[in-house]
């Protein structure tokens, strides 16, 4: 019922842009070795909190993978990713790294090489949380933060990946 979402839907209709809802169990095969698997939300979810309905995606391109978590809460994230086995190349940490994104067991399970936290500098919420940063460190996951590293761009040829930030290049 969000006004911004309604405006986006109206714009899609006006411009004849097809819209497909995404639900767990769906897969999109773009080309040989390039897949997008939808892990969340469940079709039955009808939550008052839109974050609980965030789309969680596993993107796989040959030997590269990215777990894109939207703003899913910890419970949704752990449930949606139960079948995900590491190593995952990159994980986007939900909720700007708040305590609500603390999924310590998941971080261990996915064995990610890199985590990206999208967070504003000097935000009044104090994100990212020190406990989340500690859990990522314990899991051996390198962290990039938009408040410290600027925009993060990750590229891959399916074998290697390159990370660039507005602060500089980070060879992987």
C-alpha atoms as a PDB file:
ATOM      1  CA  UNK A   1       0.000   0.000   0.000  1.00  0.00           C
ATOM      2  CA  UNK A   2       3.049   2.256  -0.037  1.00  0.00           C
ATOM      3  CA  UNK A   3       2.491   5.393  -2.156  1.00  0.00           C
ATOM      4  CA  UNK A   4       5.900   5.119  -3.816  1.00  0.00           C
ATOM      5  CA  UNK A   5       5.201   1.498  -4.763  1.00  0.00           C
ATOM      6  CA  UNK A   6       1.775   2.449  -6.147  1.00  0.00           C
ATOM      7  CA  UNK A   7       3.357   5.224  -8.223  1.00  0.00           C
ATOM      8  CA  UNK A   8       5.918   2.770  -9.594  1.00  0.00           C
ATOM      9  CA  UNK A   9       3.176   0.295 -10.535  1.00  0.00           C
ATOM     10  CA  UNK A  10       1.185   3.040 -12.278  1.00  0.00           C
ATOM     11  CA  UNK A  11       4.262   4.130 -14.220  1.00  0.00           C
ATOM     12  CA  UNK A  12       4.877   0.550 -15.365  1.00  0.00           C
ATOM     13  CA  UNK A  13       1.271   0.305 -16.621  1.00  0.00           C
ATOM     14  CA  UNK A  14       1.506   3.692 -18.394  1.00  0.00           C
ATOM     15  CA  UNK A  15       4.745   2.702 -20.131  1.00  0.00           C
ATOM     16  CA  UNK A  16       3.564  -0.831 -20.945  1.00  0.00           C
ATOM     17  CA  UNK A  17       6.314  -2.403 -18.845  1.00  0.00           C
ATOM     18  CA  UNK A  18       5.472  -5.937 -17.722  1.00  0.00           C
ATOM     19  CA  UNK A  19       5.824  -6.633 -13.996  1.00  0.00           C
ATOM     20  CA  UNK A  20       6.270 -10.129 -12.573  1.00  0.00           C
ATOM     21  CA  UNK A  21       6.104 -10.802  -8.842  1.00  0.00           C
ATOM     22  CA  UNK A  22       8.997 -12.913  -7.586  1.00  0.00           C
ATOM     23  CA  UNK A  23       8.535 -15.766  -5.106  1.00  0.00           C
ATOM     24  CA  UNK A  24      10.676 -18.502  -3.605  1.00  0.00           C
ATOM     25  CA  UNK A  25      11.227 -21.466  -5.889  1.00  0.00           C
ATOM     26  CA  UNK A  26      11.365 -19.421  -9.084  1.00  0.00           C
ATOM     27  CA  UNK A  27      14.482 -19.572 -11.252  1.00  0.00           C
ATOM     28  CA  UNK A  28      15.506 -17.405 -14.146  1.00  0.00           C
ATOM     29  CA  UNK A  29      18.042 -18.891 -16.573  1.00  0.00           C
ATOM     30  CA  UNK A  30      19.624 -16.073 -18.541  1.00  0.00           C
ATOM     31  CA  UNK A  31      22.246 -18.078 -20.407  1.00  0.00           C
ATOM     32  CA  UNK A  32      24.425 -21.141 -19.991  1.00  0.00           C
ATOM     33  CA  UNK A  33      25.807 -21.035 -16.420  1.00  0.00           C
ATOM     34  CA  UNK A  34      23.983 -17.850 -15.422  1.00  0.00           C
ATOM     35  CA  UNK A  35      21.046 -18.358 -13.051  1.00  0.00           C
ATOM     36  CA  UNK A  36      18.989 -16.293 -10.677  1.00  0.00           C
ATOM     37  CA  UNK A  37      17.194 -18.260  -7.950  1.00  0.00           C
ATOM     38  CA  UNK A  38      14.513 -16.574  -5.867  1.00  0.00           C
ATOM     39  CA  UNK A  39      14.788 -17.703  -2.236  1.00  0.00           C
ATOM     40  CA  UNK A  40      12.217 -15.394  -0.624  1.00  0.00           C
ATOM     41  CA  UNK A  41       9.396 -14.305  -0.188  1.00  0.00           C
ATOM     42  CA  UNK A  42       6.901 -17.101   0.137  1.00  0.00           C
ATOM     43  CA  UNK A  43       3.687 -16.502  -1.857  1.00  0.00           C
ATOM     44  CA  UNK A  44       1.674 -16.702   1.371  1.00  0.00           C
ATOM     45  CA  UNK A  45       3.455 -13.883   3.159  1.00  0.00           C
ATOM     46  CA  UNK A  46       1.226 -10.957   3.946  1.00  0.00           C
ATOM     47  CA  UNK A  47       3.147  -8.949   6.474  1.00  0.00           C
ATOM     48  CA  UNK A  48       2.526  -5.428   7.701  1.00  0.00           C
ATOM     49  CA  UNK A  49       6.305  -4.923   7.523  1.00  0.00           C
ATOM     50  CA  UNK A  50       7.454  -4.774   3.878  1.00  0.00           C
ATOM     51  CA  UNK A  51      10.965  -5.802   4.961  1.00  0.00           C
ATOM     52  CA  UNK A  52       9.610  -9.266   5.764  1.00  0.00           C
ATOM     53  CA  UNK A  53       8.593  -9.553   2.108  1.00  0.00           C
ATOM     54  CA  UNK A  54      11.966  -8.480   0.698  1.00  0.00           C
ATOM     55  CA  UNK A  55      13.191 -10.451  -2.259  1.00  0.00           C
ATOM     56  CA  UNK A  56      16.218 -12.628  -1.474  1.00  0.00           C
ATOM     57  CA  UNK A  57      18.128 -13.737  -4.568  1.00  0.00           C
ATOM     58  CA  UNK A  58      21.010 -16.114  -5.232  1.00  0.00           C
ATOM     59  CA  UNK A  59      22.740 -15.065  -8.411  1.00  0.00           C
ATOM     60  CA  UNK A  60      25.141 -17.650  -9.872  1.00  0.00           C
ATOM     61  CA  UNK A  61      27.415 -17.155 -12.851  1.00  0.00           C
ATOM     62  CA  UNK A  62      29.709 -20.139 -13.304  1.00  0.00           C
ATOM     63  CA  UNK A  63      32.101 -19.942 -10.319  1.00  0.00           C
ATOM     64  CA  UNK A  64      30.815 -16.563  -9.092  1.00  0.00           C
ATOM     65  CA  UNK A  65      27.824 -16.174  -6.768  1.00  0.00           C
ATOM     66  CA  UNK A  66      26.101 -13.331  -4.980  1.00  0.00           C
ATOM     67  CA  UNK A  67      23.511 -13.586  -2.224  1.00  0.00           C
ATOM     68  CA  UNK A  68      21.357 -10.463  -2.455  1.00  0.00           C
ATOM     69  CA  UNK A  69      19.292 -10.145   0.698  1.00  0.00           C
ATOM     70  CA  UNK A  70      17.157  -7.049   0.239  1.00  0.00           C
ATOM     71  CA  UNK A  71      16.032  -5.931   3.682  1.00  0.00           C
ATOM     72  CA  UNK A  72      14.944  -9.366   4.888  1.00  0.00           C
ATOM     73  CA  UNK A  73      14.939  -9.843   8.642  1.00  0.00           C
ATOM     74  CA  UNK A  74      17.175 -12.397  10.312  1.00  0.00           C
ATOM     75  CA  UNK A  75      14.447 -15.062  10.614  1.00  0.00           C
ATOM     76  CA  UNK A  76      13.424 -14.715   6.961  1.00  0.00           C
ATOM     77  CA  UNK A  77      17.040 -14.708   5.866  1.00  0.00           C
ATOM     78  CA  UNK A  78      18.019 -17.853   7.769  1.00  0.00           C
ATOM     79  CA  UNK A  79      14.884 -19.670   6.577  1.00  0.00           C
ATOM     80  CA  UNK A  80      15.278 -18.592   2.941  1.00  0.00           C
ATOM     81  CA  UNK A  81      18.959 -19.517   2.828  1.00  0.00           C
ATOM     82  CA  UNK A  82      18.760 -22.873   4.614  1.00  0.00           C
ATOM     83  CA  UNK A  83      19.765 -24.743   1.448  1.00  0.00           C
ATOM     84  CA  UNK A  84      22.510 -22.307   0.401  1.00  0.00           C
ATOM     85  CA  UNK A  85      25.905 -23.912   0.689  1.00  0.00           C
ATOM     86  CA  UNK A  86      29.132 -21.959   0.512  1.00  0.00           C
ATOM     87  CA  UNK A  87      31.297 -20.674  -0.625  1.00  0.00           C
ATOM     88  CA  UNK A  88      29.404 -17.617  -1.826  1.00  0.00           C
ATOM     89  CA  UNK A  89      31.516 -14.940  -3.462  1.00  0.00           C
ATOM     90  CA  UNK A  90      29.566 -11.902  -2.218  1.00  0.00           C
ATOM     91  CA  UNK A  91      26.764 -11.348   0.280  1.00  0.00           C
ATOM     92  CA  UNK A  92      24.849  -8.089   0.584  1.00  0.00           C
ATOM     93  CA  UNK A  93      24.112  -7.641   4.302  1.00  0.00           C
ATOM     94  CA  UNK A  94      20.477  -6.601   4.918  1.00  0.00           C
ATOM     95  CA  UNK A  95      19.143  -3.730   7.017  1.00  0.00           C
ATOM     96  CA  UNK A  96      22.303  -1.632   6.619  1.00  0.00           C
ATOM     97  CA  UNK A  97      24.102  -3.996   8.981  1.00  0.00           C
ATOM     98  CA  UNK A  98      21.670  -3.443  11.860  1.00  0.00           C
ATOM     99  CA  UNK A  99      21.343  -5.935  14.734  1.00  0.00           C
ATOM    100  CA  UNK A 100      18.269  -7.241  12.894  1.00  0.00           C
ATOM    101  CA  UNK A 101      20.592  -8.563  10.179  1.00  0.00           C
ATOM    102  CA  UNK A 102      22.673 -10.618  12.592  1.00  0.00           C
ATOM    103  CA  UNK A 103      22.619 -14.152  11.163  1.00  0.00           C
ATOM    104  CA  UNK A 104      25.856 -15.511  12.619  1.00  0.00           C
ATOM    105  CA  UNK A 105      25.222 -19.162  11.665  1.00  0.00           C
ATOM    106  CA  UNK A 106      24.296 -18.159   8.118  1.00  0.00           C
ATOM    107  CA  UNK A 107      27.475 -16.134   7.711  1.00  0.00           C
ATOM    108  CA  UNK A 108      29.474 -19.196   8.793  1.00  0.00           C
ATOM    109  CA  UNK A 109      27.432 -21.494   6.522  1.00  0.00           C
ATOM    110  CA  UNK A 110      27.775 -19.472   3.315  1.00  0.00           C
ATOM    111  CA  UNK A 111      31.520 -18.924   3.756  1.00  0.00           C
ATOM    112  CA  UNK A 112      31.391 -15.680   1.753  1.00  0.00           C
ATOM    113  CA  UNK A 113      34.594 -14.006   0.639  1.00  0.00           C
ATOM    114  CA  UNK A 114      33.129 -10.507   0.685  1.00  0.00           C
ATOM    115  CA  UNK A 115      30.222  -8.727   2.387  1.00  0.00           C
ATOM    116  CA  UNK A 116      28.828  -5.401   1.243  1.00  0.00           C
ATOM    117  CA  UNK A 117      26.954  -3.180   3.680  1.00  0.00           C
ATOM    118  CA  UNK A 118      25.004  -0.299   2.165  1.00  0.00           C
ATOM    119  CA  UNK A 119      24.948   2.331   4.883  1.00  0.00           C
ATOM    120  CA  UNK A 120      24.978   6.108   5.085  1.00  0.00           C
ATOM    121  CA  UNK A 121      27.847   7.890   6.787  1.00  0.00           C
ATOM    122  CA  UNK A 122      27.150   9.052  10.338  1.00  0.00           C
ATOM    123  CA  UNK A 123      23.584   7.705  10.242  1.00  0.00           C
ATOM    124  CA  UNK A 124      21.570   8.324  13.400  1.00  0.00           C
ATOM    125  CA  UNK A 125      20.823   4.576  13.783  1.00  0.00           C
ATOM    126  CA  UNK A 126      24.489   3.780  14.415  1.00  0.00           C
ATOM    127  CA  UNK A 127      24.578   1.250  11.565  1.00  0.00           C
ATOM    128  CA  UNK A 128      26.320  -1.020  10.974  1.00  0.00           C
ATOM    129  CA  UNK A 129      26.091  -2.730  14.340  1.00  0.00           C
ATOM    130  CA  UNK A 130      29.341  -3.732  16.028  1.00  0.00           C
ATOM    131  CA  UNK A 131      27.921  -7.231  16.675  1.00  0.00           C
ATOM    132  CA  UNK A 132      27.259  -7.740  12.948  1.00  0.00           C
ATOM    133  CA  UNK A 133      30.744  -6.525  12.042  1.00  0.00           C
ATOM    134  CA  UNK A 134      32.190  -8.859  14.675  1.00  0.00           C
ATOM    135  CA  UNK A 135      30.184 -11.847  13.339  1.00  0.00           C
ATOM    136  CA  UNK A 136      31.422 -11.152   9.803  1.00  0.00           C
ATOM    137  CA  UNK A 137      34.993 -10.874  11.047  1.00  0.00           C
ATOM    138  CA  UNK A 138      34.651 -14.161  12.978  1.00  0.00           C
ATOM    139  CA  UNK A 139      33.382 -15.808   9.781  1.00  0.00           C
ATOM    140  CA  UNK A 140      36.466 -14.516   7.940  1.00  0.00           C
ATOM    141  CA  UNK A 141      34.422 -12.347   5.581  1.00  0.00           C
ATOM    142  CA  UNK A 142      36.005  -9.178   4.223  1.00  0.00           C
ATOM    143  CA  UNK A 143      33.622  -6.218   4.587  1.00  0.00           C
ATOM    144  CA  UNK A 144      33.117  -3.230   2.324  1.00  0.00           C
ATOM    145  CA  UNK A 145      30.880  -0.426   3.568  1.00  0.00           C
ATOM    146  CA  UNK A 146      29.449   2.339   1.447  1.00  0.00           C
ATOM    147  CA  UNK A 147      29.980   4.849   4.258  1.00  0.00           C
ATOM    148  CA  UNK A 148      33.721   4.160   4.190  1.00  0.00           C
ATOM    149  CA  UNK A 149      34.381   2.823   0.680  1.00  0.00           C
ATOM    150  CA  UNK A 150      31.839   4.737  -1.397  1.00  0.00           C
ATOM    151  CA  UNK A 151      29.879   3.004  -4.154  1.00  0.00           C
ATOM    152  CA  UNK A 152      30.813  -0.663  -4.600  1.00  0.00           C
ATOM    153  CA  UNK A 153      30.828  -2.212  -8.089  1.00  0.00           C
ATOM    154  CA  UNK A 154      31.493  -5.929  -8.494  1.00  0.00           C
ATOM    155  CA  UNK A 155      32.230  -7.474 -11.901  1.00  0.00           C
ATOM    156  CA  UNK A 156      32.874 -11.088 -12.824  1.00  0.00           C
ATOM    157  CA  UNK A 157      33.683 -13.200 -15.858  1.00  0.00           C
ATOM    158  CA  UNK A 158      32.395 -16.274 -14.005  1.00  0.00           C
ATOM    159  CA  UNK A 159      35.870 -17.288 -12.841  1.00  0.00           C
ATOM    160  CA  UNK A 160      37.339 -14.178 -11.258  1.00  0.00           C
ATOM    161  CA  UNK A 161      35.756 -11.089  -9.799  1.00  0.00           C
ATOM    162  CA  UNK A 162      36.821  -7.492  -9.562  1.00  0.00           C
ATOM    163  CA  UNK A 163      35.705  -5.028  -6.952  1.00  0.00           C
ATOM    164  CA  UNK A 164      35.874  -1.304  -7.525  1.00  0.00           C
ATOM    165  CA  UNK A 165      34.799   1.392  -5.118  1.00  0.00           C
ATOM    166  CA  UNK A 166      34.642   5.131  -5.560  1.00  0.00           C
ATOM    167  CA  UNK A 167      37.593   5.165  -3.162  1.00  0.00           C
ATOM    168  CA  UNK A 168      39.697   2.838  -5.370  1.00  0.00           C
ATOM    169  CA  UNK A 169      40.241  -0.607  -6.877  1.00  0.00           C
ATOM    170  CA  UNK A 170      40.294  -3.756  -4.762  1.00  0.00           C
ATOM    171  CA  UNK A 171      41.835  -6.746  -6.608  1.00  0.00           C
ATOM    172  CA  UNK A 172      40.271 -10.130  -5.740  1.00  0.00           C
END
